[in-house]
């Protein structure tokens, strides 16, 4: 598939979408995105520099600490899988229910045992999707270079009508609070502290392979030829 890109540096340039997805398209197809129904009330939040904001989607072990009293109470901290597809990343999280099972895992209950995040470079995160719900987050330019804008959308396997509307709104408010008061608040603090290291470097650890991949990708695409 080729898409016209009127906003890129070359006005008549085209994008080979299959080539750009680098194999992650098959994983996205398994989410059956075309069968989802949107909750048409997005959340828009002021976020830090987009590279720092993107880091939160690719880091697994902060979930059990930064979000321990909110969305992180089900996750097994520091037990993640990372699969790389060109510049894109698929991140898998085990849930605590996995630790409670003594028999074989039922493949039909995959959503109970784990959750997935697909980070589609450069600015889209798809959280979930193999169960009944999905949250899609987009990182957009902010008013200045040190800011970005996060826009989140919810999707469900059935039309968002009746009682599901109030459920979706409650979930939207919860995730708005989590992203604003836990993720963004922390990352703003990190950004403000970066000046203290001067010309030094931020070192990503062994368990931060998703973050390493993101910044290696950015560096490879912005390095002068």
C-alpha atoms as a PDB file:
ATOM      1  CA  UNK A   1       0.000   0.000   0.000  1.00  0.00           C
ATOM      2  CA  UNK A   2       1.283   3.463  -0.865  1.00  0.00           C
ATOM      3  CA  UNK A   3       0.019   6.654   0.751  1.00  0.00           C
ATOM      4  CA  UNK A   4       0.531  10.207  -0.461  1.00  0.00           C
ATOM      5  CA  UNK A   5       2.380  12.331   2.064  1.00  0.00           C
ATOM      6  CA  UNK A   6       1.563  15.979   1.196  1.00  0.00           C
ATOM      7  CA  UNK A   7       2.990  17.262   4.476  1.00  0.00           C
ATOM      8  CA  UNK A   8       6.471  15.759   4.179  1.00  0.00           C
ATOM      9  CA  UNK A   9       9.601  17.469   2.902  1.00  0.00           C
ATOM     10  CA  UNK A  10       8.988  16.206  -0.639  1.00  0.00           C
ATOM     11  CA  UNK A  11       5.419  17.082  -1.564  1.00  0.00           C
ATOM     12  CA  UNK A  12       4.857  14.182  -3.969  1.00  0.00           C
ATOM     13  CA  UNK A  13       6.693  11.554  -1.951  1.00  0.00           C
ATOM     14  CA  UNK A  14       4.932   8.267  -1.199  1.00  0.00           C
ATOM     15  CA  UNK A  15       5.024   5.912   1.755  1.00  0.00           C
ATOM     16  CA  UNK A  16       5.126   2.135   1.327  1.00  0.00           C
ATOM     17  CA  UNK A  17       3.061   1.295   4.412  1.00  0.00           C
ATOM     18  CA  UNK A  18       3.834  -2.427   4.471  1.00  0.00           C
ATOM     19  CA  UNK A  19       7.551  -1.702   4.310  1.00  0.00           C
ATOM     20  CA  UNK A  20       7.266   0.940   7.036  1.00  0.00           C
ATOM     21  CA  UNK A  21       5.395  -1.428   9.389  1.00  0.00           C
ATOM     22  CA  UNK A  22       8.296  -3.900   9.030  1.00  0.00           C
ATOM     23  CA  UNK A  23       6.217  -6.943   9.994  1.00  0.00           C
ATOM     24  CA  UNK A  24       4.273  -5.478  12.921  1.00  0.00           C
ATOM     25  CA  UNK A  25       1.203  -5.289  10.689  1.00  0.00           C
ATOM     26  CA  UNK A  26       0.530  -8.986  11.266  1.00  0.00           C
ATOM     27  CA  UNK A  27       0.513  -8.418  15.028  1.00  0.00           C
ATOM     28  CA  UNK A  28      -1.798  -5.428  14.635  1.00  0.00           C
ATOM     29  CA  UNK A  29      -4.121  -7.491  12.425  1.00  0.00           C
ATOM     30  CA  UNK A  30      -4.495  -9.980  15.295  1.00  0.00           C
ATOM     31  CA  UNK A  31      -6.040  -7.162  17.366  1.00  0.00           C
ATOM     32  CA  UNK A  32      -8.953  -6.953  14.873  1.00  0.00           C
ATOM     33  CA  UNK A  33      -8.887  -3.172  14.987  1.00  0.00           C
ATOM     34  CA  UNK A  34     -11.543  -2.913  12.300  1.00  0.00           C
ATOM     35  CA  UNK A  35     -14.074  -4.511  14.671  1.00  0.00           C
ATOM     36  CA  UNK A  36     -13.742  -1.879  17.394  1.00  0.00           C
ATOM     37  CA  UNK A  37     -16.190   0.892  18.309  1.00  0.00           C
ATOM     38  CA  UNK A  38     -14.914   4.277  19.557  1.00  0.00           C
ATOM     39  CA  UNK A  39     -15.910   6.166  22.661  1.00  0.00           C
ATOM     40  CA  UNK A  40     -16.076   9.602  21.108  1.00  0.00           C
ATOM     41  CA  UNK A  41     -14.762  11.586  24.069  1.00  0.00           C
ATOM     42  CA  UNK A  42     -10.951  11.842  23.834  1.00  0.00           C
ATOM     43  CA  UNK A  43      -8.602  13.056  26.542  1.00  0.00           C
ATOM     44  CA  UNK A  44      -6.072  15.760  25.689  1.00  0.00           C
ATOM     45  CA  UNK A  45      -3.165  16.442  28.027  1.00  0.00           C
ATOM     46  CA  UNK A  46      -0.116  18.681  28.127  1.00  0.00           C
ATOM     47  CA  UNK A  47       2.949  16.419  28.047  1.00  0.00           C
ATOM     48  CA  UNK A  48       6.746  16.781  28.218  1.00  0.00           C
ATOM     49  CA  UNK A  49       9.152  16.627  25.283  1.00  0.00           C
ATOM     50  CA  UNK A  50       7.857  13.868  22.984  1.00  0.00           C
ATOM     51  CA  UNK A  51      10.901  11.609  23.344  1.00  0.00           C
ATOM     52  CA  UNK A  52      10.506  11.530  27.130  1.00  0.00           C
ATOM     53  CA  UNK A  53       6.748  11.131  26.764  1.00  0.00           C
ATOM     54  CA  UNK A  54       7.283   8.189  24.394  1.00  0.00           C
ATOM     55  CA  UNK A  55       9.594   6.525  26.924  1.00  0.00           C
ATOM     56  CA  UNK A  56       6.674   5.857  29.252  1.00  0.00           C
ATOM     57  CA  UNK A  57       4.994   3.616  26.677  1.00  0.00           C
ATOM     58  CA  UNK A  58       8.118   1.497  26.268  1.00  0.00           C
ATOM     59  CA  UNK A  59       9.111   1.008  29.897  1.00  0.00           C
ATOM     60  CA  UNK A  60       7.632  -1.965  31.710  1.00  0.00           C
ATOM     61  CA  UNK A  61       8.930  -2.032  35.233  1.00  0.00           C
ATOM     62  CA  UNK A  62       7.700   1.414  36.314  1.00  0.00           C
ATOM     63  CA  UNK A  63       4.128   0.073  36.206  1.00  0.00           C
ATOM     64  CA  UNK A  64       4.289  -1.671  39.576  1.00  0.00           C
ATOM     65  CA  UNK A  65       5.857   1.330  41.290  1.00  0.00           C
ATOM     66  CA  UNK A  66       4.610   4.572  39.756  1.00  0.00           C
ATOM     67  CA  UNK A  67       1.140   3.094  39.196  1.00  0.00           C
ATOM     68  CA  UNK A  68       1.026   0.688  42.137  1.00  0.00           C
ATOM     69  CA  UNK A  69      -2.183   2.184  43.535  1.00  0.00           C
ATOM     70  CA  UNK A  70      -3.936   2.667  40.183  1.00  0.00           C
ATOM     71  CA  UNK A  71      -3.523   0.724  36.947  1.00  0.00           C
ATOM     72  CA  UNK A  72      -0.438  -1.191  38.097  1.00  0.00           C
ATOM     73  CA  UNK A  73      -1.956  -3.399  40.770  1.00  0.00           C
ATOM     74  CA  UNK A  74      -2.492  -6.307  38.339  1.00  0.00           C
ATOM     75  CA  UNK A  75       0.922  -6.286  36.680  1.00  0.00           C
ATOM     76  CA  UNK A  76       3.947  -8.431  37.497  1.00  0.00           C
ATOM     77  CA  UNK A  77       6.705  -5.853  37.736  1.00  0.00           C
ATOM     78  CA  UNK A  78       9.890  -6.377  35.728  1.00  0.00           C
ATOM     79  CA  UNK A  79       8.554  -9.340  33.729  1.00  0.00           C
ATOM     80  CA  UNK A  80       8.191  -8.116  30.165  1.00  0.00           C
ATOM     81  CA  UNK A  81       8.759  -9.274  26.613  1.00  0.00           C
ATOM     82  CA  UNK A  82      10.023  -6.986  23.866  1.00  0.00           C
ATOM     83  CA  UNK A  83       9.667  -7.665  20.156  1.00  0.00           C
ATOM     84  CA  UNK A  84      11.120  -5.257  17.617  1.00  0.00           C
ATOM     85  CA  UNK A  85       9.749  -4.664  14.110  1.00  0.00           C
ATOM     86  CA  UNK A  86      11.963  -2.107  12.419  1.00  0.00           C
ATOM     87  CA  UNK A  87      11.413   1.069  14.477  1.00  0.00           C
ATOM     88  CA  UNK A  88       8.300  -0.317  16.201  1.00  0.00           C
ATOM     89  CA  UNK A  89       8.037  -2.202  19.500  1.00  0.00           C
ATOM     90  CA  UNK A  90       5.595  -4.742  20.933  1.00  0.00           C
ATOM     91  CA  UNK A  91       5.724  -4.916  24.721  1.00  0.00           C
ATOM     92  CA  UNK A  92       4.099  -7.715  26.709  1.00  0.00           C
ATOM     93  CA  UNK A  93       3.135  -7.553  30.399  1.00  0.00           C
ATOM     94  CA  UNK A  94       2.386 -10.583  32.572  1.00  0.00           C
ATOM     95  CA  UNK A  95      -0.428 -10.234  35.116  1.00  0.00           C
ATOM     96  CA  UNK A  96      -0.428 -11.489  38.688  1.00  0.00           C
ATOM     97  CA  UNK A  97      -3.082 -14.016  37.747  1.00  0.00           C
ATOM     98  CA  UNK A  98      -0.358 -15.849  35.853  1.00  0.00           C
ATOM     99  CA  UNK A  99       1.403 -16.497  39.164  1.00  0.00           C
ATOM    100  CA  UNK A 100      -1.764 -17.932  40.691  1.00  0.00           C
ATOM    101  CA  UNK A 101      -2.316 -20.571  38.008  1.00  0.00           C
ATOM    102  CA  UNK A 102      -1.160 -24.126  38.706  1.00  0.00           C
ATOM    103  CA  UNK A 103      -2.372 -25.802  35.521  1.00  0.00           C
ATOM    104  CA  UNK A 104      -1.858 -25.068  31.834  1.00  0.00           C
ATOM    105  CA  UNK A 105      -2.736 -21.612  30.551  1.00  0.00           C
ATOM    106  CA  UNK A 106      -5.959 -21.462  28.553  1.00  0.00           C
ATOM    107  CA  UNK A 107      -5.187 -19.611  25.277  1.00  0.00           C
ATOM    108  CA  UNK A 108      -8.784 -18.372  25.173  1.00  0.00           C
ATOM    109  CA  UNK A 109      -8.067 -16.364  28.336  1.00  0.00           C
ATOM    110  CA  UNK A 110      -4.972 -14.595  27.027  1.00  0.00           C
ATOM    111  CA  UNK A 111      -6.287 -11.195  28.109  1.00  0.00           C
ATOM    112  CA  UNK A 112      -6.439 -12.437  31.728  1.00  0.00           C
ATOM    113  CA  UNK A 113      -2.813 -13.504  31.742  1.00  0.00           C
ATOM    114  CA  UNK A 114      -1.089 -10.683  29.924  1.00  0.00           C
ATOM    115  CA  UNK A 115      -1.510  -7.305  28.267  1.00  0.00           C
ATOM    116  CA  UNK A 116       0.147  -5.848  25.185  1.00  0.00           C
ATOM    117  CA  UNK A 117       1.358  -2.447  24.099  1.00  0.00           C
ATOM    118  CA  UNK A 118       2.235  -1.789  20.456  1.00  0.00           C
ATOM    119  CA  UNK A 119       4.338   1.328  19.988  1.00  0.00           C
ATOM    120  CA  UNK A 120       4.134   2.409  16.353  1.00  0.00           C
ATOM    121  CA  UNK A 121       6.993   4.787  15.714  1.00  0.00           C
ATOM    122  CA  UNK A 122       7.134   7.702  15.941  1.00  0.00           C
ATOM    123  CA  UNK A 123       4.061   8.700  17.926  1.00  0.00           C
ATOM    124  CA  UNK A 124       1.291   6.094  18.430  1.00  0.00           C
ATOM    125  CA  UNK A 125       0.782   3.709  21.348  1.00  0.00           C
ATOM    126  CA  UNK A 126      -1.895   0.992  21.250  1.00  0.00           C
ATOM    127  CA  UNK A 127      -2.512  -0.482  24.689  1.00  0.00           C
ATOM    128  CA  UNK A 128      -4.574  -3.668  24.823  1.00  0.00           C
ATOM    129  CA  UNK A 129      -6.771  -4.811  21.987  1.00  0.00           C
ATOM    130  CA  UNK A 130      -6.556  -8.582  22.428  1.00  0.00           C
ATOM    131  CA  UNK A 131      -9.359  -8.331  24.997  1.00  0.00           C
ATOM    132  CA  UNK A 132     -12.528  -6.254  25.025  1.00  0.00           C
ATOM    133  CA  UNK A 133     -10.967  -2.771  25.152  1.00  0.00           C
ATOM    134  CA  UNK A 134      -8.137  -0.738  23.706  1.00  0.00           C
ATOM    135  CA  UNK A 135      -6.590   2.661  24.436  1.00  0.00           C
ATOM    136  CA  UNK A 136      -4.867   4.461  21.591  1.00  0.00           C
ATOM    137  CA  UNK A 137      -2.565   7.351  22.486  1.00  0.00           C
ATOM    138  CA  UNK A 138      -1.114   9.840  20.018  1.00  0.00           C
ATOM    139  CA  UNK A 139       1.811  12.159  20.734  1.00  0.00           C
ATOM    140  CA  UNK A 140       1.385  15.414  18.846  1.00  0.00           C
ATOM    141  CA  UNK A 141       3.521  18.574  18.740  1.00  0.00           C
ATOM    142  CA  UNK A 142       3.168  20.954  21.671  1.00  0.00           C
ATOM    143  CA  UNK A 143       3.433  24.745  21.763  1.00  0.00           C
ATOM    144  CA  UNK A 144       7.227  24.629  22.291  1.00  0.00           C
ATOM    145  CA  UNK A 145      10.019  22.111  21.662  1.00  0.00           C
ATOM    146  CA  UNK A 146      10.012  20.989  25.290  1.00  0.00           C
ATOM    147  CA  UNK A 147       6.304  20.106  25.200  1.00  0.00           C
ATOM    148  CA  UNK A 148       4.060  17.665  23.395  1.00  0.00           C
ATOM    149  CA  UNK A 149       0.337  16.957  23.453  1.00  0.00           C
ATOM    150  CA  UNK A 150      -1.047  13.531  24.386  1.00  0.00           C
ATOM    151  CA  UNK A 151      -4.443  12.599  22.951  1.00  0.00           C
ATOM    152  CA  UNK A 152      -6.045   9.353  24.157  1.00  0.00           C
ATOM    153  CA  UNK A 153      -8.958   7.453  22.622  1.00  0.00           C
ATOM    154  CA  UNK A 154     -10.881   4.434  23.926  1.00  0.00           C
ATOM    155  CA  UNK A 155     -12.268   1.596  21.791  1.00  0.00           C
ATOM    156  CA  UNK A 156     -14.561  -1.294  22.682  1.00  0.00           C
ATOM    157  CA  UNK A 157     -15.765  -4.537  21.090  1.00  0.00           C
ATOM    158  CA  UNK A 158     -19.370  -3.372  21.175  1.00  0.00           C
ATOM    159  CA  UNK A 159     -21.042  -0.025  20.478  1.00  0.00           C
ATOM    160  CA  UNK A 160     -20.560   2.464  23.308  1.00  0.00           C
ATOM    161  CA  UNK A 161     -24.200   2.860  24.243  1.00  0.00           C
ATOM    162  CA  UNK A 162     -26.379   2.614  27.350  1.00  0.00           C
ATOM    163  CA  UNK A 163     -24.509   1.677  30.522  1.00  0.00           C
ATOM    164  CA  UNK A 164     -21.246   1.313  28.610  1.00  0.00           C
ATOM    165  CA  UNK A 165     -21.119   5.096  28.212  1.00  0.00           C
ATOM    166  CA  UNK A 166     -20.746   5.670  31.955  1.00  0.00           C
ATOM    167  CA  UNK A 167     -18.203   2.832  32.185  1.00  0.00           C
ATOM    168  CA  UNK A 168     -16.161   4.359  29.378  1.00  0.00           C
ATOM    169  CA  UNK A 169     -16.307   7.832  30.930  1.00  0.00           C
ATOM    170  CA  UNK A 170     -15.184   6.509  34.317  1.00  0.00           C
ATOM    171  CA  UNK A 171     -12.262   4.755  32.637  1.00  0.00           C
ATOM    172  CA  UNK A 172     -11.392   7.899  30.686  1.00  0.00           C
ATOM    173  CA  UNK A 173     -11.284   9.949  33.894  1.00  0.00           C
ATOM    174  CA  UNK A 174      -9.134   7.300  35.605  1.00  0.00           C
ATOM    175  CA  UNK A 175      -6.576   7.217  32.810  1.00  0.00           C
ATOM    176  CA  UNK A 176      -6.578  11.001  32.502  1.00  0.00           C
ATOM    177  CA  UNK A 177      -5.622  11.190  36.177  1.00  0.00           C
ATOM    178  CA  UNK A 178      -2.988   8.453  35.841  1.00  0.00           C
ATOM    179  CA  UNK A 179      -1.292  10.034  32.841  1.00  0.00           C
ATOM    180  CA  UNK A 180      -1.471  13.614  34.174  1.00  0.00           C
ATOM    181  CA  UNK A 181      -0.688  13.051  37.871  1.00  0.00           C
ATOM    182  CA  UNK A 182       1.634  10.045  37.677  1.00  0.00           C
ATOM    183  CA  UNK A 183       3.254   9.767  34.235  1.00  0.00           C
ATOM    184  CA  UNK A 184       3.461  13.382  33.084  1.00  0.00           C
ATOM    185  CA  UNK A 185       4.155  14.793  36.532  1.00  0.00           C
ATOM    186  CA  UNK A 186       7.129  12.443  36.911  1.00  0.00           C
ATOM    187  CA  UNK A 187       8.460  13.034  33.412  1.00  0.00           C
ATOM    188  CA  UNK A 188       8.201  16.817  33.743  1.00  0.00           C
ATOM    189  CA  UNK A 189      10.420  16.454  36.820  1.00  0.00           C
ATOM    190  CA  UNK A 190      12.902  14.327  34.871  1.00  0.00           C
ATOM    191  CA  UNK A 191      13.007  16.891  32.063  1.00  0.00           C
ATOM    192  CA  UNK A 192      13.615  19.750  34.489  1.00  0.00           C
ATOM    193  CA  UNK A 193      16.516  17.817  36.024  1.00  0.00           C
ATOM    194  CA  UNK A 194      18.247  16.949  32.739  1.00  0.00           C
ATOM    195  CA  UNK A 195      20.117  20.241  32.702  1.00  0.00           C
ATOM    196  CA  UNK A 196      22.040  19.105  35.781  1.00  0.00           C
ATOM    197  CA  UNK A 197      23.952  16.464  33.791  1.00  0.00           C
ATOM    198  CA  UNK A 198      25.301  19.031  31.326  1.00  0.00           C
ATOM    199  CA  UNK A 199      26.905  17.214  28.397  1.00  0.00           C
ATOM    200  CA  UNK A 200      26.458  13.854  30.094  1.00  0.00           C
ATOM    201  CA  UNK A 201      24.228  11.034  28.916  1.00  0.00           C
ATOM    202  CA  UNK A 202      21.185   9.218  30.258  1.00  0.00           C
ATOM    203  CA  UNK A 203      22.008   5.534  30.677  1.00  0.00           C
ATOM    204  CA  UNK A 204      19.214   3.055  30.030  1.00  0.00           C
ATOM    205  CA  UNK A 205      19.489  -0.200  31.950  1.00  0.00           C
ATOM    206  CA  UNK A 206      19.373  -3.794  30.769  1.00  0.00           C
ATOM    207  CA  UNK A 207      15.629  -4.040  31.399  1.00  0.00           C
ATOM    208  CA  UNK A 208      14.904  -0.924  29.357  1.00  0.00           C
ATOM    209  CA  UNK A 209      15.476  -2.469  25.935  1.00  0.00           C
ATOM    210  CA  UNK A 210      12.357  -0.824  24.516  1.00  0.00           C
ATOM    211  CA  UNK A 211      13.663   2.606  25.458  1.00  0.00           C
ATOM    212  CA  UNK A 212      17.092   1.762  24.097  1.00  0.00           C
ATOM    213  CA  UNK A 213      15.491   0.760  20.812  1.00  0.00           C
ATOM    214  CA  UNK A 214      13.488   3.995  20.593  1.00  0.00           C
ATOM    215  CA  UNK A 215      16.489   6.242  21.088  1.00  0.00           C
ATOM    216  CA  UNK A 216      18.739   4.142  18.834  1.00  0.00           C
ATOM    217  CA  UNK A 217      16.061   4.511  16.150  1.00  0.00           C
ATOM    218  CA  UNK A 218      15.821   8.275  16.621  1.00  0.00           C
ATOM    219  CA  UNK A 219      19.606   8.599  16.523  1.00  0.00           C
ATOM    220  CA  UNK A 220      19.888   6.507  13.343  1.00  0.00           C
ATOM    221  CA  UNK A 221      17.239   8.617  11.592  1.00  0.00           C
ATOM    222  CA  UNK A 222      18.625  11.994  12.612  1.00  0.00           C
ATOM    223  CA  UNK A 223      22.359  11.329  12.279  1.00  0.00           C
ATOM    224  CA  UNK A 224      23.862  13.492   9.514  1.00  0.00           C
ATOM    225  CA  UNK A 225      24.666  11.498   6.377  1.00  0.00           C
END
